[in-house]
Amino acid sequence: MTIPPQPAQLPLRARHVEPSALASADDDVRPSERLLDVALNAIAAARGISMEPVSARLSGPRWPDVWPGEHYRLLAGLVATLRPTVVVEIGTFQGVGSLALREALPEGGRITTFDVVPWTEITGSALVEDDFADGRLVQVLDDLTIPAVAERHRDLLEDAELIFADAAKDGQQERDFLALFERLEFRHAPVVVFDDIRLWNMLDIWRGIRRPKLDLTSFGHWSGTGLVDYA
């Protein structure tokens, strides 16, 4: 019997392992024609988008330049395709996703990024004060998993045309977001992007979404990128 190599024996790049699973999609919800069109156009747009301005902000690996494999060019491609004036990001962290979304933001567009920690307190943040000067990028410090807090932002959320959910992936927070989205009365049929849908804590959550959806991992983030149509 051959014993597979243990993590300590593997090259450093191969040691980052996340459990996943295989499941047939024959009984799952199919993507809408609109979602297929959005995905195809966003992929085409992403091919011509450079993340050099974003990568230049980073002192470590230039992950925004990696595509497919990372989702940053795809995020910009979705913005270029949908031409949204209201974008909502849930989970600012270092702000790399925020900057990627801003790369193709149309005239008059605005990104509101939610987090519970100010970007100024995040180690390695790619954001700078000037990023917020023109009002095209705004950070709001609030927890949208709390119904009363989400209610305060109902008008903004219902106006969203693109939502990027990139938060805890703890097995509960995304369920709270999905419940929130079902309570909202969206005015512009947003596309919602979920990150890390192939991580163990996200598999059942993604599988349980009963709206038109599309796993776009091969053109997004290696840990999973999924689109949901809220038309």
C-alpha atoms as a PDB file:
ATOM      1  CA  MET A   1       0.000   0.000   0.000  1.00  0.00           C
ATOM      2  CA  THR A   2       1.278   3.436  -0.882  1.00  0.00           C
ATOM      3  CA  ILE A   3       0.934   5.989   1.915  1.00  0.00           C
ATOM      4  CA  PRO A   4       0.086   9.467   0.578  1.00  0.00           C
ATOM      5  CA  PRO A   5       2.463  12.264   1.577  1.00  0.00           C
ATOM      6  CA  GLN A   6       1.541  14.104   4.742  1.00  0.00           C
ATOM      7  CA  PRO A   7       1.183  17.921   4.744  1.00  0.00           C
ATOM      8  CA  ALA A   8       4.621  18.479   6.291  1.00  0.00           C
ATOM      9  CA  GLN A   9       6.202  16.510   3.437  1.00  0.00           C
ATOM     10  CA  LEU A  10       4.523  18.501   0.713  1.00  0.00           C
ATOM     11  CA  PRO A  11       5.909  21.633  -0.962  1.00  0.00           C
ATOM     12  CA  LEU A  12       4.789  24.806   0.840  1.00  0.00           C
ATOM     13  CA  ARG A  13       2.356  25.783  -1.947  1.00  0.00           C
ATOM     14  CA  ALA A  14       0.610  22.378  -1.664  1.00  0.00           C
ATOM     15  CA  ARG A  15       0.088  22.437   2.115  1.00  0.00           C
ATOM     16  CA  HIS A  16      -2.954  24.712   2.098  1.00  0.00           C
ATOM     17  CA  VAL A  17      -5.730  22.134   2.011  1.00  0.00           C
ATOM     18  CA  GLU A  18      -9.460  22.717   2.419  1.00  0.00           C
ATOM     19  CA  PRO A  19     -11.966  19.831   2.521  1.00  0.00           C
ATOM     20  CA  SER A  20     -14.528  19.754  -0.251  1.00  0.00           C
ATOM     21  CA  ALA A  21     -17.009  17.316  -1.815  1.00  0.00           C
ATOM     22  CA  LEU A  22     -18.482  16.247  -5.127  1.00  0.00           C
ATOM     23  CA  ALA A  23     -22.210  16.385  -5.859  1.00  0.00           C
ATOM     24  CA  SER A  24     -24.197  15.927  -9.043  1.00  0.00           C
ATOM     25  CA  ALA A  25     -26.026  19.032 -10.239  1.00  0.00           C
ATOM     26  CA  ASP A  26     -28.877  17.053 -11.797  1.00  0.00           C
ATOM     27  CA  ASP A  27     -31.280  18.008  -8.976  1.00  0.00           C
ATOM     28  CA  ASP A  28     -29.895  21.494  -8.367  1.00  0.00           C
ATOM     29  CA  VAL A  29     -31.231  24.853  -9.585  1.00  0.00           C
ATOM     30  CA  ARG A  30     -30.107  25.750 -13.084  1.00  0.00           C
ATOM     31  CA  PRO A  31     -28.770  29.178 -14.050  1.00  0.00           C
ATOM     32  CA  SER A  32     -31.119  31.574 -15.792  1.00  0.00           C
ATOM     33  CA  GLU A  33     -30.448  32.674 -19.363  1.00  0.00           C
ATOM     34  CA  ARG A  34     -29.704  36.114 -17.964  1.00  0.00           C
ATOM     35  CA  LEU A  35     -27.109  34.697 -15.577  1.00  0.00           C
ATOM     36  CA  LEU A  36     -25.427  32.775 -18.381  1.00  0.00           C
ATOM     37  CA  ASP A  37     -25.259  35.962 -20.457  1.00  0.00           C
ATOM     38  CA  VAL A  38     -23.844  37.956 -17.536  1.00  0.00           C
ATOM     39  CA  ALA A  39     -21.231  35.291 -16.826  1.00  0.00           C
ATOM     40  CA  LEU A  40     -20.100  34.960 -20.441  1.00  0.00           C
ATOM     41  CA  ASN A  41     -19.844  38.714 -20.916  1.00  0.00           C
ATOM     42  CA  ALA A  42     -18.036  39.188 -17.596  1.00  0.00           C
ATOM     43  CA  ILE A  43     -15.500  36.506 -18.502  1.00  0.00           C
ATOM     44  CA  ALA A  44     -14.898  38.183 -21.855  1.00  0.00           C
ATOM     45  CA  ALA A  45     -14.517  41.574 -20.166  1.00  0.00           C
ATOM     46  CA  ALA A  46     -12.154  40.174 -17.532  1.00  0.00           C
ATOM     47  CA  ARG A  47      -9.739  39.030 -20.225  1.00  0.00           C
ATOM     48  CA  GLY A  48      -9.049  42.648 -21.127  1.00  0.00           C
ATOM     49  CA  ILE A  49      -8.878  44.110 -17.613  1.00  0.00           C
ATOM     50  CA  SER A  50      -5.562  44.721 -15.892  1.00  0.00           C
ATOM     51  CA  MET A  51      -5.265  44.560 -12.118  1.00  0.00           C
ATOM     52  CA  GLU A  52      -1.870  46.258 -12.177  1.00  0.00           C
ATOM     53  CA  PRO A  53      -3.125  49.360 -10.286  1.00  0.00           C
ATOM     54  CA  VAL A  54      -4.486  47.123  -7.526  1.00  0.00           C
ATOM     55  CA  SER A  55      -1.507  44.766  -7.370  1.00  0.00           C
ATOM     56  CA  ALA A  56       0.828  47.755  -7.124  1.00  0.00           C
ATOM     57  CA  ARG A  57      -0.721  48.485  -3.714  1.00  0.00           C
ATOM     58  CA  LEU A  58       0.367  45.143  -2.264  1.00  0.00           C
ATOM     59  CA  SER A  59       3.647  44.388  -0.562  1.00  0.00           C
ATOM     60  CA  GLY A  60       3.178  40.623  -0.786  1.00  0.00           C
ATOM     61  CA  PRO A  61       2.055  38.271  -3.571  1.00  0.00           C
ATOM     62  CA  ARG A  62       0.267  39.945  -6.465  1.00  0.00           C
ATOM     63  CA  TRP A  63      -2.892  37.855  -6.243  1.00  0.00           C
ATOM     64  CA  PRO A  64      -5.036  40.307  -8.268  1.00  0.00           C
ATOM     65  CA  ASP A  65      -2.901  39.491 -11.322  1.00  0.00           C
ATOM     66  CA  VAL A  66      -3.754  35.782 -11.055  1.00  0.00           C
ATOM     67  CA  TRP A  67      -6.701  34.873 -13.281  1.00  0.00           C
ATOM     68  CA  PRO A  68      -8.255  32.404 -13.403  1.00  0.00           C
ATOM     69  CA  GLY A  69      -7.453  31.312  -9.868  1.00  0.00           C
ATOM     70  CA  GLU A  70      -8.343  34.545  -8.107  1.00  0.00           C
ATOM     71  CA  HIS A  71     -11.584  36.461  -8.582  1.00  0.00           C
ATOM     72  CA  TYR A  72     -10.440  40.072  -8.879  1.00  0.00           C
ATOM     73  CA  ARG A  73     -10.506  40.400 -12.677  1.00  0.00           C
ATOM     74  CA  LEU A  74     -13.853  38.600 -12.758  1.00  0.00           C
ATOM     75  CA  LEU A  75     -15.278  41.075 -10.216  1.00  0.00           C
ATOM     76  CA  ALA A  76     -14.183  43.942 -12.428  1.00  0.00           C
ATOM     77  CA  GLY A  77     -15.623  42.093 -15.432  1.00  0.00           C
ATOM     78  CA  LEU A  78     -18.996  41.807 -13.679  1.00  0.00           C
ATOM     79  CA  VAL A  79     -18.988  45.546 -13.018  1.00  0.00           C
ATOM     80  CA  ALA A  80     -18.043  46.240 -16.639  1.00  0.00           C
ATOM     81  CA  THR A  81     -20.910  43.998 -17.789  1.00  0.00           C
ATOM     82  CA  LEU A  82     -23.679  45.083 -15.417  1.00  0.00           C
ATOM     83  CA  ARG A  83     -22.707  48.777 -15.325  1.00  0.00           C
ATOM     84  CA  PRO A  84     -24.157  49.111 -11.800  1.00  0.00           C
ATOM     85  CA  THR A  85     -24.519  52.447 -10.078  1.00  0.00           C
ATOM     86  CA  VAL A  86     -25.073  50.811  -6.675  1.00  0.00           C
ATOM     87  CA  VAL A  87     -22.636  48.085  -5.604  1.00  0.00           C
ATOM     88  CA  VAL A  88     -22.662  46.542  -2.137  1.00  0.00           C
ATOM     89  CA  GLU A  89     -19.727  44.586  -0.762  1.00  0.00           C
ATOM     90  CA  ILE A  90     -20.104  42.629   2.471  1.00  0.00           C
ATOM     91  CA  GLY A  91     -16.682  42.179   4.012  1.00  0.00           C
ATOM     92  CA  THR A  92     -14.046  44.848   3.309  1.00  0.00           C
ATOM     93  CA  PHE A  93     -11.010  43.256   4.988  1.00  0.00           C
ATOM     94  CA  GLN A  94      -7.883  44.521   3.164  1.00  0.00           C
ATOM     95  CA  GLY A  95      -9.927  46.243   0.488  1.00  0.00           C
ATOM     96  CA  VAL A  96      -8.508  44.380  -2.503  1.00  0.00           C
ATOM     97  CA  GLY A  97     -11.985  43.307  -3.620  1.00  0.00           C
ATOM     98  CA  SER A  98     -13.231  46.862  -3.162  1.00  0.00           C
ATOM     99  CA  LEU A  99     -10.483  48.190  -5.429  1.00  0.00           C
ATOM    100  CA  ALA A 100     -11.136  45.496  -8.027  1.00  0.00           C
ATOM    101  CA  LEU A 101     -14.827  46.391  -8.123  1.00  0.00           C
ATOM    102  CA  ARG A 102     -13.922  50.059  -8.501  1.00  0.00           C
ATOM    103  CA  GLU A 103     -11.691  49.431 -11.525  1.00  0.00           C
ATOM    104  CA  ALA A 104     -14.658  49.281 -13.923  1.00  0.00           C
ATOM    105  CA  LEU A 105     -17.196  51.323 -11.972  1.00  0.00           C
ATOM    106  CA  PRO A 106     -19.234  53.519 -14.349  1.00  0.00           C
ATOM    107  CA  GLU A 107     -19.612  57.265 -14.010  1.00  0.00           C
ATOM    108  CA  GLY A 108     -21.923  58.027 -11.101  1.00  0.00           C
ATOM    109  CA  GLY A 109     -21.451  54.586  -9.553  1.00  0.00           C
ATOM    110  CA  ARG A 110     -20.746  53.981  -5.897  1.00  0.00           C
ATOM    111  CA  ILE A 111     -19.507  51.032  -3.858  1.00  0.00           C
ATOM    112  CA  THR A 112     -20.616  50.689  -0.243  1.00  0.00           C
ATOM    113  CA  THR A 113     -18.470  48.157   1.568  1.00  0.00           C
ATOM    114  CA  PHE A 114     -19.634  46.821   4.935  1.00  0.00           C
ATOM    115  CA  ASP A 115     -17.454  45.496   7.716  1.00  0.00           C
ATOM    116  CA  VAL A 116     -17.325  45.465  11.497  1.00  0.00           C
ATOM    117  CA  VAL A 117     -13.652  46.521  11.588  1.00  0.00           C
ATOM    118  CA  PRO A 118     -12.434  49.827  10.100  1.00  0.00           C
ATOM    119  CA  TRP A 119     -10.081  49.399   7.158  1.00  0.00           C
ATOM    120  CA  THR A 120      -7.526  51.505   9.026  1.00  0.00           C
ATOM    121  CA  GLU A 121      -7.211  48.747  11.640  1.00  0.00           C
ATOM    122  CA  ILE A 122      -6.584  45.924   9.169  1.00  0.00           C
ATOM    123  CA  THR A 123      -2.971  44.821   8.823  1.00  0.00           C
ATOM    124  CA  GLY A 124      -1.808  44.993   5.233  1.00  0.00           C
ATOM    125  CA  SER A 125      -4.806  47.001   4.013  1.00  0.00           C
ATOM    126  CA  ALA A 126      -4.503  48.060   0.381  1.00  0.00           C
ATOM    127  CA  LEU A 127      -6.750  51.056   0.952  1.00  0.00           C
ATOM    128  CA  VAL A 128      -5.646  54.655   1.493  1.00  0.00           C
ATOM    129  CA  GLU A 129      -7.573  57.750   2.537  1.00  0.00           C
ATOM    130  CA  ASP A 130      -7.697  59.086  -1.018  1.00  0.00           C
ATOM    131  CA  ASP A 131      -9.754  56.064  -2.087  1.00  0.00           C
ATOM    132  CA  PHE A 132     -12.730  57.554  -0.245  1.00  0.00           C
ATOM    133  CA  ALA A 133     -12.242  61.189  -1.248  1.00  0.00           C
ATOM    134  CA  ASP A 134     -14.607  61.292  -4.237  1.00  0.00           C
ATOM    135  CA  GLY A 135     -17.407  59.301  -2.581  1.00  0.00           C
ATOM    136  CA  ARG A 136     -17.261  56.450  -5.096  1.00  0.00           C
ATOM    137  CA  LEU A 137     -16.132  54.122  -2.308  1.00  0.00           C
ATOM    138  CA  VAL A 138     -17.684  54.274   1.159  1.00  0.00           C
ATOM    139  CA  GLN A 139     -17.083  52.004   4.131  1.00  0.00           C
ATOM    140  CA  VAL A 140     -19.915  51.424   6.599  1.00  0.00           C
ATOM    141  CA  LEU A 141     -19.181  49.825   9.965  1.00  0.00           C
ATOM    142  CA  ASP A 142     -22.237  47.688  10.625  1.00  0.00           C
ATOM    143  CA  ASP A 143     -23.169  44.034  10.983  1.00  0.00           C
ATOM    144  CA  LEU A 144     -25.801  43.151   8.396  1.00  0.00           C
ATOM    145  CA  THR A 145     -26.522  39.820  10.080  1.00  0.00           C
ATOM    146  CA  ILE A 146     -28.410  41.766  12.764  1.00  0.00           C
ATOM    147  CA  PRO A 147     -31.956  42.319  11.407  1.00  0.00           C
ATOM    148  CA  ALA A 148     -32.395  45.743  13.030  1.00  0.00           C
ATOM    149  CA  VAL A 149     -29.088  46.901  11.554  1.00  0.00           C
ATOM    150  CA  ALA A 150     -29.934  45.564   8.101  1.00  0.00           C
ATOM    151  CA  GLU A 151     -33.272  47.360   8.296  1.00  0.00           C
ATOM    152  CA  ARG A 152     -31.439  50.680   8.661  1.00  0.00           C
ATOM    153  CA  HIS A 153     -29.780  50.009   5.323  1.00  0.00           C
ATOM    154  CA  ARG A 154     -32.836  48.607   3.560  1.00  0.00           C
ATOM    155  CA  ASP A 155     -33.068  51.395   0.962  1.00  0.00           C
ATOM    156  CA  LEU A 156     -29.427  50.994  -0.038  1.00  0.00           C
ATOM    157  CA  LEU A 157     -29.632  47.206  -0.203  1.00  0.00           C
ATOM    158  CA  GLU A 158     -32.846  47.227  -2.219  1.00  0.00           C
ATOM    159  CA  ASP A 159     -31.201  49.589  -4.727  1.00  0.00           C
ATOM    160  CA  ALA A 160     -28.195  47.309  -5.227  1.00  0.00           C
ATOM    161  CA  GLU A 161     -27.481  46.000  -8.710  1.00  0.00           C
ATOM    162  CA  LEU A 162     -24.426  43.947  -7.724  1.00  0.00           C
ATOM    163  CA  ILE A 163     -23.694  42.458  -4.301  1.00  0.00           C
ATOM    164  CA  PHE A 164     -20.401  40.797  -3.389  1.00  0.00           C
ATOM    165  CA  ALA A 165     -20.707  38.632  -0.251  1.00  0.00           C
ATOM    166  CA  ASP A 166     -17.222  37.928   1.049  1.00  0.00           C
ATOM    167  CA  ALA A 167     -17.461  37.571   4.801  1.00  0.00           C
ATOM    168  CA  ALA A 168     -16.854  34.921   7.450  1.00  0.00           C
ATOM    169  CA  LYS A 169     -17.807  31.632   5.737  1.00  0.00           C
ATOM    170  CA  ASP A 170     -18.405  30.285   9.230  1.00  0.00           C
ATOM    171  CA  GLY A 171     -21.421  28.183   8.309  1.00  0.00           C
ATOM    172  CA  GLN A 172     -23.939  30.718   9.611  1.00  0.00           C
ATOM    173  CA  GLN A 173     -23.200  34.229   8.424  1.00  0.00           C
ATOM    174  CA  GLU A 174     -23.970  33.474   4.779  1.00  0.00           C
ATOM    175  CA  ARG A 175     -27.253  31.848   5.847  1.00  0.00           C
ATOM    176  CA  ASP A 176     -28.094  35.113   7.585  1.00  0.00           C
ATOM    177  CA  PHE A 177     -27.312  37.050   4.419  1.00  0.00           C
ATOM    178  CA  LEU A 178     -29.485  34.743   2.329  1.00  0.00           C
ATOM    179  CA  ALA A 179     -32.360  35.193   4.767  1.00  0.00           C
ATOM    180  CA  LEU A 180     -31.835  38.957   4.584  1.00  0.00           C
ATOM    181  CA  PHE A 181     -31.910  38.948   0.781  1.00  0.00           C
ATOM    182  CA  GLU A 182     -35.235  37.089   0.832  1.00  0.00           C
ATOM    183  CA  ARG A 183     -36.729  39.797   3.081  1.00  0.00           C
ATOM    184  CA  LEU A 184     -35.671  42.579   0.749  1.00  0.00           C
ATOM    185  CA  GLU A 185     -37.663  43.848  -2.212  1.00  0.00           C
ATOM    186  CA  PHE A 186     -34.909  44.441  -4.730  1.00  0.00           C
ATOM    187  CA  ARG A 187     -35.642  47.130  -7.282  1.00  0.00           C
ATOM    188  CA  HIS A 188     -32.984  46.215  -9.846  1.00  0.00           C
ATOM    189  CA  ALA A 189     -32.718  42.388  -9.837  1.00  0.00           C
ATOM    190  CA  PRO A 190     -29.140  42.230  -8.558  1.00  0.00           C
ATOM    191  CA  VAL A 191     -26.575  39.562  -9.235  1.00  0.00           C
ATOM    192  CA  VAL A 192     -25.103  38.345  -5.950  1.00  0.00           C
ATOM    193  CA  VAL A 193     -21.550  36.978  -5.927  1.00  0.00           C
ATOM    194  CA  PHE A 194     -20.649  34.532  -3.171  1.00  0.00           C
ATOM    195  CA  ASP A 195     -16.987  33.845  -2.480  1.00  0.00           C
ATOM    196  CA  ASP A 196     -15.498  30.532  -1.287  1.00  0.00           C
ATOM    197  CA  ILE A 197     -18.523  28.419  -2.203  1.00  0.00           C
ATOM    198  CA  ARG A 198     -16.386  25.258  -2.364  1.00  0.00           C
ATOM    199  CA  LEU A 199     -15.103  25.501   1.195  1.00  0.00           C
ATOM    200  CA  TRP A 200     -16.553  22.892   3.529  1.00  0.00           C
ATOM    201  CA  ASN A 201     -18.676  25.374   5.510  1.00  0.00           C
ATOM    202  CA  MET A 202     -20.149  26.746   2.298  1.00  0.00           C
ATOM    203  CA  LEU A 203     -21.030  23.559   0.421  1.00  0.00           C
ATOM    204  CA  ASP A 204     -24.436  22.997   2.001  1.00  0.00           C
ATOM    205  CA  ILE A 205     -25.215  26.711   1.970  1.00  0.00           C
ATOM    206  CA  TRP A 206     -24.507  27.007  -1.750  1.00  0.00           C
ATOM    207  CA  ARG A 207     -26.367  23.793  -2.511  1.00  0.00           C
ATOM    208  CA  GLY A 208     -29.378  25.042  -0.570  1.00  0.00           C
ATOM    209  CA  ILE A 209     -29.872  28.223  -2.610  1.00  0.00           C
ATOM    210  CA  ARG A 210     -33.069  27.713  -4.591  1.00  0.00           C
ATOM    211  CA  ARG A 211     -32.658  30.583  -7.013  1.00  0.00           C
ATOM    212  CA  PRO A 212     -31.020  30.501 -10.445  1.00  0.00           C
ATOM    213  CA  LYS A 213     -27.299  30.210  -9.786  1.00  0.00           C
ATOM    214  CA  LEU A 214     -24.024  29.399 -11.478  1.00  0.00           C
ATOM    215  CA  ASP A 215     -20.782  27.987 -10.083  1.00  0.00           C
ATOM    216  CA  LEU A 216     -18.137  30.044 -11.845  1.00  0.00           C
ATOM    217  CA  THR A 217     -15.122  28.756  -9.941  1.00  0.00           C
ATOM    218  CA  SER A 218     -13.108  27.937 -13.073  1.00  0.00           C
ATOM    219  CA  PHE A 219     -13.158  31.647 -13.967  1.00  0.00           C
ATOM    220  CA  GLY A 220     -13.024  33.030 -10.428  1.00  0.00           C
ATOM    221  CA  HIS A 221     -11.540  32.085  -7.089  1.00  0.00           C
ATOM    222  CA  TRP A 222      -9.951  28.657  -6.683  1.00  0.00           C
ATOM    223  CA  SER A 223     -11.905  28.259  -3.413  1.00  0.00           C
ATOM    224  CA  GLY A 224     -15.185  28.893  -5.192  1.00  0.00           C
ATOM    225  CA  THR A 225     -17.073  31.710  -6.882  1.00  0.00           C
ATOM    226  CA  GLY A 226     -20.839  31.524  -7.313  1.00  0.00           C
ATOM    227  CA  LEU A 227     -23.369  33.864  -8.960  1.00  0.00           C
ATOM    228  CA  VAL A 228     -27.027  34.043  -7.923  1.00  0.00           C
ATOM    229  CA  ASP A 229     -29.733  35.767  -9.949  1.00  0.00           C
ATOM    230  CA  TYR A 230     -32.225  37.757  -7.860  1.00  0.00           C
ATOM    231  CA  ALA A 231     -34.397  38.742 -10.809  1.00  0.00           C
END
